[in-house]
Amino acid sequence: MGNEKNLEGLRGWLILVAIGVIIAPIRLLSVELPMYNEILNDGTWELLTTVDSELYHPLWAPVLITEITFSFVLLLASLYLVVLFFSKHYLFPRVFIALTLAMLIFIPFDAWLVSQVMPEQSFFDTQTIRDFARTVVSAAIWIPYMLVSKRVKATFVVKKPSMKISSTPM
């Protein structure tokens, strides 16, 4: 029991997790969402989604709406993850893994969607490859860590339902 007590807390490798958890919503707010705000306000949306425009493609609106929605949901989930992390809530590892897996699925899906609109564009451009590689490496490191780390198991216990075994027969 004493050894488990030493593993409690936001120390060790969890410091690196904390940095990533804090940076994620900041990055979304400072990079991703402003880009979509620009698209919606600078006339790009109209150029891409108006039938008479030479840049029009019937899939542009669904692609952009999908990307904007995913980024917004990802922002909310990232903020929720920050709360779970610093409250040491038992759901943190599960939500962290789910978000990581969602990114692993969404990045190639989004690249494929964009390739349907712009077939001359490479399915995986340099930025997409970089983002996907970063996500794969992160997943390869942090998903196993969340699943097997004794520190994670000892730290994220707040509001964890207790497993009570009933001794009364049914």
N, C-alpha and C. Protein backbone atom coordinates (compact mmCIF):
# COMPACT_ATOMS: atom_id res chain seq x y z
N MET A 1 0.83 -1.20 0.00
CA MET A 1 0.00 0.00 0.00
C MET A 1 0.87 1.25 0.00
N GLY A 2 1.96 1.24 0.75
CA GLY A 2 2.85 2.39 0.81
C GLY A 2 3.49 2.68 -0.53
N ASN A 3 3.85 1.61 -1.27
CA ASN A 3 4.44 1.78 -2.59
C ASN A 3 3.45 2.45 -3.55
N GLU A 4 2.17 2.06 -3.45
CA GLU A 4 1.14 2.65 -4.31
C GLU A 4 0.97 4.13 -3.97
N LYS A 5 1.12 4.47 -2.69
CA LYS A 5 1.00 5.87 -2.25
C LYS A 5 2.13 6.71 -2.87
N ASN A 6 3.32 6.13 -3.02
CA ASN A 6 4.45 6.83 -3.65
C ASN A 6 4.20 7.10 -5.12
N LEU A 7 3.35 6.30 -5.75
CA LEU A 7 3.08 6.46 -7.18
C LEU A 7 1.96 7.46 -7.45
N GLU A 8 1.23 7.84 -6.42
CA GLU A 8 0.15 8.81 -6.62
C GLU A 8 0.72 10.16 -6.98
N GLY A 9 -0.01 10.89 -7.79
CA GLY A 9 0.36 12.27 -8.05
C GLY A 9 0.82 12.52 -9.47
N LEU A 10 0.79 13.78 -9.80
CA LEU A 10 1.14 14.23 -11.14
C LEU A 10 2.64 14.49 -11.20
N ARG A 11 3.39 13.40 -11.18
CA ARG A 11 4.85 13.46 -11.24
C ARG A 11 5.34 12.49 -12.29
N GLY A 12 6.64 12.40 -12.43
CA GLY A 12 7.23 11.44 -13.37
C GLY A 12 6.82 11.75 -14.80
N TRP A 13 6.50 10.68 -15.54
CA TRP A 13 6.13 10.83 -16.95
C TRP A 13 4.82 11.58 -17.12
N LEU A 14 4.02 11.65 -16.08
CA LEU A 14 2.75 12.39 -16.18
C LEU A 14 2.98 13.89 -16.39
N ILE A 15 4.17 14.37 -16.08
CA ILE A 15 4.50 15.77 -16.36
C ILE A 15 4.47 16.00 -17.87
N LEU A 16 5.00 15.06 -18.64
CA LEU A 16 4.98 15.19 -20.10
C LEU A 16 3.54 15.10 -20.62
N VAL A 17 2.74 14.24 -20.02
CA VAL A 17 1.33 14.15 -20.40
C VAL A 17 0.65 15.48 -20.11
N ALA A 18 0.94 16.07 -18.94
CA ALA A 18 0.35 17.36 -18.56
C ALA A 18 0.68 18.44 -19.59
N ILE A 19 1.92 18.47 -20.04
CA ILE A 19 2.32 19.47 -21.03
C ILE A 19 1.49 19.30 -22.30
N GLY A 20 1.36 18.07 -22.77
CA GLY A 20 0.56 17.81 -23.97
C GLY A 20 -0.91 18.15 -23.78
N VAL A 21 -1.44 17.82 -22.62
CA VAL A 21 -2.85 18.08 -22.32
C VAL A 21 -3.12 19.59 -22.28
N ILE A 22 -2.18 20.35 -21.76
CA ILE A 22 -2.34 21.81 -21.68
C ILE A 22 -2.16 22.46 -23.05
N ILE A 23 -1.20 21.97 -23.83
CA ILE A 23 -0.90 22.57 -25.13
C ILE A 23 -2.02 22.31 -26.15
N ALA A 24 -2.68 21.16 -26.08
CA ALA A 24 -3.68 20.79 -27.09
C ALA A 24 -4.78 21.85 -27.27
N PRO A 25 -5.47 22.28 -26.22
CA PRO A 25 -6.51 23.30 -26.45
C PRO A 25 -5.93 24.66 -26.86
N ILE A 26 -4.75 24.97 -26.38
CA ILE A 26 -4.11 26.24 -26.77
C ILE A 26 -3.81 26.22 -28.26
N ARG A 27 -3.29 25.10 -28.74
CA ARG A 27 -2.98 24.95 -30.17
C ARG A 27 -4.26 25.05 -31.01
N LEU A 28 -5.30 24.39 -30.57
CA LEU A 28 -6.57 24.45 -31.30
C LEU A 28 -7.11 25.88 -31.35
N LEU A 29 -7.04 26.57 -30.22
CA LEU A 29 -7.55 27.95 -30.17
C LEU A 29 -6.69 28.92 -30.96
N SER A 30 -5.40 28.67 -31.03
CA SER A 30 -4.51 29.63 -31.69
C SER A 30 -4.21 29.31 -33.15
N VAL A 31 -4.40 28.07 -33.58
CA VAL A 31 -4.05 27.69 -34.95
C VAL A 31 -5.27 27.22 -35.75
N GLU A 32 -5.91 26.18 -35.27
CA GLU A 32 -6.99 25.55 -36.04
C GLU A 32 -8.22 26.44 -36.17
N LEU A 33 -8.79 26.84 -35.06
CA LEU A 33 -10.04 27.59 -35.11
C LEU A 33 -9.91 28.94 -35.82
N PRO A 34 -8.82 29.69 -35.64
CA PRO A 34 -8.68 30.94 -36.41
C PRO A 34 -8.65 30.70 -37.92
N MET A 35 -8.07 29.57 -38.35
CA MET A 35 -8.03 29.25 -39.77
C MET A 35 -9.46 29.09 -40.30
N TYR A 36 -10.29 28.38 -39.57
CA TYR A 36 -11.68 28.19 -40.01
C TYR A 36 -12.46 29.49 -39.92
N ASN A 37 -12.18 30.30 -38.93
CA ASN A 37 -12.82 31.61 -38.82
C ASN A 37 -12.51 32.46 -40.05
N GLU A 38 -11.26 32.39 -40.48
CA GLU A 38 -10.84 33.12 -41.68
C GLU A 38 -11.59 32.62 -42.91
N ILE A 39 -11.66 31.31 -43.07
CA ILE A 39 -12.37 30.72 -44.22
C ILE A 39 -13.82 31.18 -44.26
N LEU A 40 -14.45 31.25 -43.10
CA LEU A 40 -15.86 31.63 -43.04
C LEU A 40 -16.07 33.13 -43.24
N ASN A 41 -15.05 33.94 -42.98
CA ASN A 41 -15.23 35.39 -43.02
C ASN A 41 -14.52 36.13 -44.14
N ASP A 42 -13.60 35.47 -44.86
CA ASP A 42 -12.84 36.20 -45.89
C ASP A 42 -13.34 35.95 -47.31
N GLY A 43 -14.47 35.26 -47.44
CA GLY A 43 -15.02 34.99 -48.77
C GLY A 43 -14.65 33.63 -49.32
N THR A 44 -13.75 32.91 -48.64
CA THR A 44 -13.34 31.59 -49.11
C THR A 44 -14.52 30.61 -49.12
N TRP A 45 -15.31 30.65 -48.07
CA TRP A 45 -16.48 29.75 -47.99
C TRP A 45 -17.36 29.92 -49.22
N GLU A 46 -17.65 31.17 -49.57
CA GLU A 46 -18.50 31.45 -50.73
C GLU A 46 -17.86 30.95 -52.02
N LEU A 47 -16.55 31.19 -52.17
CA LEU A 47 -15.84 30.73 -53.37
C LEU A 47 -15.90 29.21 -53.54
N LEU A 48 -15.83 28.50 -52.44
CA LEU A 48 -15.78 27.04 -52.50
C LEU A 48 -17.16 26.38 -52.55
N THR A 49 -18.17 27.09 -52.04
CA THR A 49 -19.48 26.44 -51.90
C THR A 49 -20.58 27.04 -52.77
N THR A 50 -20.29 28.08 -53.54
CA THR A 50 -21.29 28.67 -54.43
C THR A 50 -21.21 27.98 -55.79
N VAL A 51 -22.35 27.51 -56.26
CA VAL A 51 -22.41 26.71 -57.49
C VAL A 51 -21.78 27.43 -58.68
N ASP A 52 -21.94 28.72 -58.81
CA ASP A 52 -21.42 29.45 -59.96
C ASP A 52 -19.91 29.76 -59.88
N SER A 53 -19.29 29.49 -58.75
CA SER A 53 -17.87 29.78 -58.59
C SER A 53 -17.03 28.74 -59.33
N GLU A 54 -15.91 29.17 -59.89
CA GLU A 54 -15.04 28.21 -60.60
C GLU A 54 -14.33 27.27 -59.63
N LEU A 55 -14.29 27.60 -58.34
CA LEU A 55 -13.67 26.72 -57.34
C LEU A 55 -14.68 25.80 -56.66
N TYR A 56 -15.93 25.91 -57.08
CA TYR A 56 -17.00 25.12 -56.46
C TYR A 56 -16.80 23.63 -56.67
N HIS A 57 -17.11 22.90 -55.61
CA HIS A 57 -17.22 21.45 -55.67
C HIS A 57 -18.31 21.08 -54.68
N PRO A 58 -19.20 20.17 -55.04
CA PRO A 58 -20.32 19.86 -54.15
C PRO A 58 -19.90 19.28 -52.78
N LEU A 59 -18.68 18.80 -52.69
CA LEU A 59 -18.23 18.23 -51.41
C LEU A 59 -17.52 19.24 -50.51
N TRP A 60 -17.23 20.45 -51.02
CA TRP A 60 -16.51 21.41 -50.19
C TRP A 60 -17.26 21.73 -48.89
N ALA A 61 -18.54 22.01 -48.99
CA ALA A 61 -19.31 22.34 -47.78
C ALA A 61 -19.28 21.19 -46.77
N PRO A 62 -19.59 19.95 -47.19
CA PRO A 62 -19.52 18.85 -46.21
C PRO A 62 -18.11 18.66 -45.62
N VAL A 63 -17.08 18.80 -46.44
CA VAL A 63 -15.71 18.65 -45.95
C VAL A 63 -15.40 19.71 -44.90
N LEU A 64 -15.69 20.95 -45.23
CA LEU A 64 -15.38 22.04 -44.29
C LEU A 64 -16.22 21.95 -43.02
N ILE A 65 -17.49 21.60 -43.17
CA ILE A 65 -18.35 21.46 -41.99
C ILE A 65 -17.85 20.31 -41.11
N THR A 66 -17.42 19.22 -41.72
CA THR A 66 -16.87 18.10 -40.96
C THR A 66 -15.62 18.53 -40.21
N GLU A 67 -14.70 19.23 -40.89
CA GLU A 67 -13.47 19.68 -40.24
C GLU A 67 -13.74 20.66 -39.12
N ILE A 68 -14.61 21.62 -39.36
CA ILE A 68 -14.93 22.62 -38.33
C ILE A 68 -15.58 21.96 -37.13
N THR A 69 -16.53 21.07 -37.39
CA THR A 69 -17.22 20.37 -36.30
C THR A 69 -16.24 19.53 -35.50
N PHE A 70 -15.39 18.77 -36.20
CA PHE A 70 -14.41 17.94 -35.50
C PHE A 70 -13.47 18.79 -34.66
N SER A 71 -13.00 19.91 -35.20
CA SER A 71 -12.09 20.79 -34.44
C SER A 71 -12.78 21.36 -33.21
N PHE A 72 -14.05 21.74 -33.35
CA PHE A 72 -14.78 22.29 -32.22
C PHE A 72 -15.00 21.22 -31.15
N VAL A 73 -15.40 20.03 -31.56
CA VAL A 73 -15.60 18.93 -30.61
C VAL A 73 -14.27 18.56 -29.96
N LEU A 74 -13.20 18.56 -30.74
CA LEU A 74 -11.88 18.27 -30.21
C LEU A 74 -11.46 19.33 -29.19
N LEU A 75 -11.78 20.59 -29.44
CA LEU A 75 -11.48 21.64 -28.47
C LEU A 75 -12.22 21.38 -27.17
N LEU A 76 -13.53 21.11 -27.25
CA LEU A 76 -14.31 20.84 -26.04
C LEU A 76 -13.77 19.61 -25.31
N ALA A 77 -13.45 18.56 -26.05
CA ALA A 77 -12.92 17.35 -25.44
C ALA A 77 -11.56 17.61 -24.81
N SER A 78 -10.74 18.44 -25.45
CA SER A 78 -9.42 18.76 -24.90
C SER A 78 -9.54 19.56 -23.60
N LEU A 79 -10.50 20.47 -23.56
CA LEU A 79 -10.73 21.22 -22.33
C LEU A 79 -11.24 20.29 -21.22
N TYR A 80 -12.12 19.38 -21.58
CA TYR A 80 -12.62 18.37 -20.64
C TYR A 80 -11.46 17.52 -20.13
N LEU A 81 -10.54 17.17 -21.02
CA LEU A 81 -9.38 16.36 -20.65
C LEU A 81 -8.50 17.10 -19.63
N VAL A 82 -8.35 18.41 -19.81
CA VAL A 82 -7.58 19.21 -18.84
C VAL A 82 -8.23 19.10 -17.46
N VAL A 83 -9.55 19.24 -17.41
CA VAL A 83 -10.28 19.15 -16.14
C VAL A 83 -10.10 17.76 -15.53
N LEU A 84 -10.27 16.73 -16.34
CA LEU A 84 -10.11 15.36 -15.84
C LEU A 84 -8.69 15.12 -15.32
N PHE A 85 -7.70 15.63 -16.05
CA PHE A 85 -6.30 15.42 -15.65
C PHE A 85 -6.02 16.05 -14.29
N PHE A 86 -6.34 17.33 -14.15
CA PHE A 86 -5.97 18.02 -12.92
C PHE A 86 -6.88 17.69 -11.74
N SER A 87 -8.03 17.11 -12.01
CA SER A 87 -8.87 16.64 -10.91
C SER A 87 -8.56 15.18 -10.58
N LYS A 88 -7.65 14.58 -11.34
CA LYS A 88 -7.23 13.19 -11.17
C LYS A 88 -8.41 12.22 -11.29
N HIS A 89 -9.33 12.57 -12.15
CA HIS A 89 -10.54 11.79 -12.35
C HIS A 89 -10.21 10.46 -13.01
N TYR A 90 -10.90 9.42 -12.58
CA TYR A 90 -10.61 8.08 -13.09
C TYR A 90 -10.87 7.93 -14.58
N LEU A 91 -11.68 8.80 -15.17
CA LEU A 91 -11.96 8.72 -16.60
C LEU A 91 -10.84 9.28 -17.48
N PHE A 92 -9.90 9.98 -16.88
CA PHE A 92 -8.85 10.61 -17.69
C PHE A 92 -8.17 9.64 -18.67
N PRO A 93 -7.64 8.49 -18.22
CA PRO A 93 -6.95 7.61 -19.17
C PRO A 93 -7.85 7.17 -20.33
N ARG A 94 -9.11 6.87 -20.04
CA ARG A 94 -10.03 6.42 -21.09
C ARG A 94 -10.30 7.52 -22.11
N VAL A 95 -10.55 8.72 -21.62
CA VAL A 95 -10.84 9.84 -22.53
C VAL A 95 -9.59 10.19 -23.33
N PHE A 96 -8.43 10.15 -22.68
CA PHE A 96 -7.16 10.41 -23.37
C PHE A 96 -6.97 9.43 -24.52
N ILE A 97 -7.19 8.15 -24.24
CA ILE A 97 -7.04 7.11 -25.27
C ILE A 97 -8.06 7.31 -26.38
N ALA A 98 -9.31 7.61 -26.02
CA ALA A 98 -10.36 7.82 -27.02
C ALA A 98 -10.02 8.99 -27.94
N LEU A 99 -9.52 10.09 -27.38
CA LEU A 99 -9.15 11.25 -28.21
C LEU A 99 -7.98 10.91 -29.13
N THR A 100 -7.02 10.19 -28.61
CA THR A 100 -5.87 9.81 -29.42
C THR A 100 -6.31 8.92 -30.58
N LEU A 101 -7.17 7.95 -30.29
CA LEU A 101 -7.68 7.07 -31.35
C LEU A 101 -8.54 7.84 -32.35
N ALA A 102 -9.32 8.80 -31.87
CA ALA A 102 -10.13 9.63 -32.77
C ALA A 102 -9.24 10.39 -33.74
N MET A 103 -8.12 10.89 -33.26
CA MET A 103 -7.18 11.61 -34.14
C MET A 103 -6.55 10.64 -35.14
N LEU A 104 -6.22 9.44 -34.70
CA LEU A 104 -5.64 8.45 -35.61
C LEU A 104 -6.60 8.10 -36.74
N ILE A 105 -7.87 8.13 -36.46
CA ILE A 105 -8.88 7.83 -37.48
C ILE A 105 -9.17 9.06 -38.33
N PHE A 106 -9.30 10.22 -37.67
CA PHE A 106 -9.75 11.41 -38.39
C PHE A 106 -8.72 11.95 -39.38
N ILE A 107 -7.45 11.92 -39.05
CA ILE A 107 -6.44 12.51 -39.94
C ILE A 107 -6.45 11.84 -41.32
N PRO A 108 -6.36 10.50 -41.42
CA PRO A 108 -6.42 9.91 -42.77
C PRO A 108 -7.81 10.05 -43.40
N PHE A 109 -8.88 10.00 -42.59
CA PHE A 109 -10.22 10.18 -43.14
C PHE A 109 -10.36 11.56 -43.76
N ASP A 110 -9.88 12.58 -43.07
CA ASP A 110 -9.95 13.94 -43.59
C ASP A 110 -9.10 14.09 -44.85
N ALA A 111 -7.92 13.48 -44.86
CA ALA A 111 -7.06 13.54 -46.05
C ALA A 111 -7.77 12.89 -47.23
N TRP A 112 -8.45 11.78 -46.99
CA TRP A 112 -9.19 11.11 -48.05
C TRP A 112 -10.34 11.99 -48.54
N LEU A 113 -11.07 12.60 -47.59
CA LEU A 113 -12.17 13.50 -47.97
C LEU A 113 -11.68 14.63 -48.86
N VAL A 114 -10.60 15.28 -48.46
CA VAL A 114 -10.05 16.39 -49.24
C VAL A 114 -9.60 15.89 -50.61
N SER A 115 -9.07 14.67 -50.67
CA SER A 115 -8.64 14.13 -51.97
C SER A 115 -9.83 13.89 -52.90
N GLN A 116 -11.01 13.73 -52.35
CA GLN A 116 -12.21 13.57 -53.18
C GLN A 116 -12.60 14.90 -53.83
N VAL A 117 -12.29 15.98 -53.15
CA VAL A 117 -12.59 17.32 -53.67
C VAL A 117 -11.47 17.79 -54.59
N MET A 118 -10.25 17.45 -54.22
CA MET A 118 -9.07 17.89 -54.97
C MET A 118 -8.25 16.67 -55.38
N PRO A 119 -8.70 15.93 -56.40
CA PRO A 119 -8.01 14.69 -56.77
C PRO A 119 -6.57 14.90 -57.23
N GLU A 120 -6.25 16.09 -57.72
CA GLU A 120 -4.86 16.36 -58.14
C GLU A 120 -3.93 16.55 -56.95
N GLN A 121 -4.51 16.79 -55.78
CA GLN A 121 -3.73 16.97 -54.55
C GLN A 121 -3.32 15.61 -54.02
N SER A 122 -2.11 15.51 -53.51
CA SER A 122 -1.64 14.26 -52.92
C SER A 122 -2.52 13.90 -51.72
N PHE A 123 -2.86 12.62 -51.62
CA PHE A 123 -3.70 12.13 -50.53
C PHE A 123 -3.11 12.53 -49.19
N PHE A 124 -1.81 12.35 -49.04
CA PHE A 124 -1.11 12.76 -47.82
C PHE A 124 -0.07 13.80 -48.19
N ASP A 125 -0.38 15.07 -47.94
CA ASP A 125 0.61 16.11 -48.16
C ASP A 125 1.58 16.14 -46.98
N THR A 126 2.58 16.98 -47.05
CA THR A 126 3.63 17.03 -46.03
C THR A 126 3.06 17.30 -44.64
N GLN A 127 2.15 18.25 -44.53
CA GLN A 127 1.57 18.58 -43.23
C GLN A 127 0.75 17.42 -42.66
N THR A 128 -0.01 16.77 -43.53
CA THR A 128 -0.82 15.63 -43.09
C THR A 128 0.07 14.49 -42.61
N ILE A 129 1.13 14.22 -43.36
CA ILE A 129 2.07 13.17 -42.96
C ILE A 129 2.70 13.50 -41.62
N ARG A 130 3.09 14.75 -41.44
CA ARG A 130 3.70 15.20 -40.18
C ARG A 130 2.71 15.03 -39.02
N ASP A 131 1.46 15.50 -39.21
CA ASP A 131 0.45 15.39 -38.16
C ASP A 131 0.14 13.92 -37.84
N PHE A 132 0.01 13.11 -38.88
CA PHE A 132 -0.31 11.71 -38.67
C PHE A 132 0.85 10.99 -37.98
N ALA A 133 2.07 11.24 -38.42
CA ALA A 133 3.24 10.61 -37.79
C ALA A 133 3.35 11.00 -36.32
N ARG A 134 3.13 12.27 -36.03
CA ARG A 134 3.18 12.74 -34.64
C ARG A 134 2.11 12.02 -33.81
N THR A 135 0.93 11.84 -34.38
CA THR A 135 -0.16 11.17 -33.67
C THR A 135 0.13 9.69 -33.48
N VAL A 136 0.69 9.04 -34.50
CA VAL A 136 1.05 7.61 -34.39
C VAL A 136 2.11 7.41 -33.31
N VAL A 137 3.14 8.24 -33.31
CA VAL A 137 4.20 8.12 -32.30
C VAL A 137 3.63 8.37 -30.91
N SER A 138 2.83 9.41 -30.79
CA SER A 138 2.21 9.73 -29.51
C SER A 138 1.34 8.57 -29.04
N ALA A 139 0.53 8.02 -29.93
CA ALA A 139 -0.34 6.89 -29.57
C ALA A 139 0.49 5.67 -29.15
N ALA A 140 1.57 5.41 -29.89
CA ALA A 140 2.41 4.25 -29.59
C ALA A 140 3.07 4.36 -28.22
N ILE A 141 3.32 5.57 -27.78
CA ILE A 141 3.94 5.78 -26.47
C ILE A 141 2.90 5.86 -25.37
N TRP A 142 1.91 6.74 -25.56
CA TRP A 142 1.03 7.10 -24.45
C TRP A 142 -0.15 6.18 -24.22
N ILE A 143 -0.65 5.51 -25.25
CA ILE A 143 -1.76 4.58 -25.01
C ILE A 143 -1.29 3.41 -24.15
N PRO A 144 -0.16 2.75 -24.48
CA PRO A 144 0.32 1.69 -23.57
C PRO A 144 0.63 2.22 -22.17
N TYR A 145 1.18 3.44 -22.10
CA TYR A 145 1.47 4.03 -20.79
C TYR A 145 0.18 4.17 -19.97
N MET A 146 -0.87 4.67 -20.59
CA MET A 146 -2.15 4.83 -19.89
C MET A 146 -2.71 3.49 -19.44
N LEU A 147 -2.47 2.45 -20.21
CA LEU A 147 -3.02 1.13 -19.91
C LEU A 147 -2.24 0.35 -18.85
N VAL A 148 -0.92 0.54 -18.78
CA VAL A 148 -0.12 -0.31 -17.88
C VAL A 148 0.57 0.44 -16.75
N SER A 149 0.63 1.74 -16.79
CA SER A 149 1.38 2.48 -15.78
C SER A 149 0.75 2.36 -14.39
N LYS A 150 1.57 2.00 -13.42
CA LYS A 150 1.11 1.94 -12.04
C LYS A 150 0.82 3.34 -11.51
N ARG A 151 1.59 4.32 -11.97
CA ARG A 151 1.34 5.70 -11.55
C ARG A 151 -0.02 6.17 -12.05
N VAL A 152 -0.36 5.86 -13.29
CA VAL A 152 -1.67 6.24 -13.83
C VAL A 152 -2.77 5.58 -13.01
N LYS A 153 -2.62 4.29 -12.72
CA LYS A 153 -3.63 3.56 -11.95
C LYS A 153 -3.76 4.12 -10.53
N ALA A 154 -2.65 4.58 -9.95
CA ALA A 154 -2.68 5.09 -8.58
C ALA A 154 -3.13 6.55 -8.51
N THR A 155 -2.98 7.29 -9.61
CA THR A 155 -3.28 8.73 -9.59
C THR A 155 -4.72 9.04 -9.99
N PHE A 156 -5.19 8.43 -11.06
CA PHE A 156 -6.51 8.77 -11.59
C PHE A 156 -7.57 7.87 -10.97
N VAL A 157 -7.93 8.24 -9.72
CA VAL A 157 -8.86 7.42 -8.95
C VAL A 157 -10.05 8.22 -8.42
N VAL A 158 -10.06 9.52 -8.62
CA VAL A 158 -11.13 10.34 -8.08
C VAL A 158 -12.45 9.98 -8.75
N LYS A 159 -13.47 9.79 -7.94
CA LYS A 159 -14.83 9.43 -8.37
C LYS A 159 -14.91 8.07 -9.04
N LYS A 160 -13.90 7.25 -8.81
CA LYS A 160 -13.93 5.90 -9.38
C LYS A 160 -14.95 5.07 -8.62
N PRO A 161 -15.87 4.45 -9.34
CA PRO A 161 -16.87 3.64 -8.64
C PRO A 161 -16.19 2.46 -7.95
N SER A 162 -16.64 2.19 -6.75
CA SER A 162 -16.04 1.06 -6.03
C SER A 162 -16.72 -0.23 -6.48
N MET A 163 -15.95 -1.27 -6.51
CA MET A 163 -16.45 -2.58 -6.93
C MET A 163 -16.91 -3.31 -5.67
N LYS A 164 -18.18 -3.19 -5.33
CA LYS A 164 -18.71 -3.86 -4.14
C LYS A 164 -19.31 -5.19 -4.58
N ILE A 165 -18.86 -6.22 -3.91
CA ILE A 165 -19.38 -7.54 -4.20
C ILE A 165 -20.45 -7.86 -3.16
N SER A 166 -21.62 -8.11 -3.64
CA SER A 166 -22.73 -8.37 -2.75
C SER A 166 -22.63 -9.80 -2.21
N SER A 167 -22.83 -9.94 -0.89
CA SER A 167 -22.78 -11.26 -0.30
C SER A 167 -24.16 -11.87 -0.14
N THR A 168 -25.17 -11.10 -0.53
CA THR A 168 -26.53 -11.63 -0.44
C THR A 168 -26.89 -12.35 -1.74
N PRO A 169 -27.47 -13.53 -1.62
CA PRO A 169 -27.85 -14.27 -2.84
C PRO A 169 -29.00 -13.58 -3.56
N MET A 170 -29.05 -13.76 -4.85
CA MET A 170 -30.13 -13.13 -5.64
C MET A 170 -31.31 -13.99 -5.64
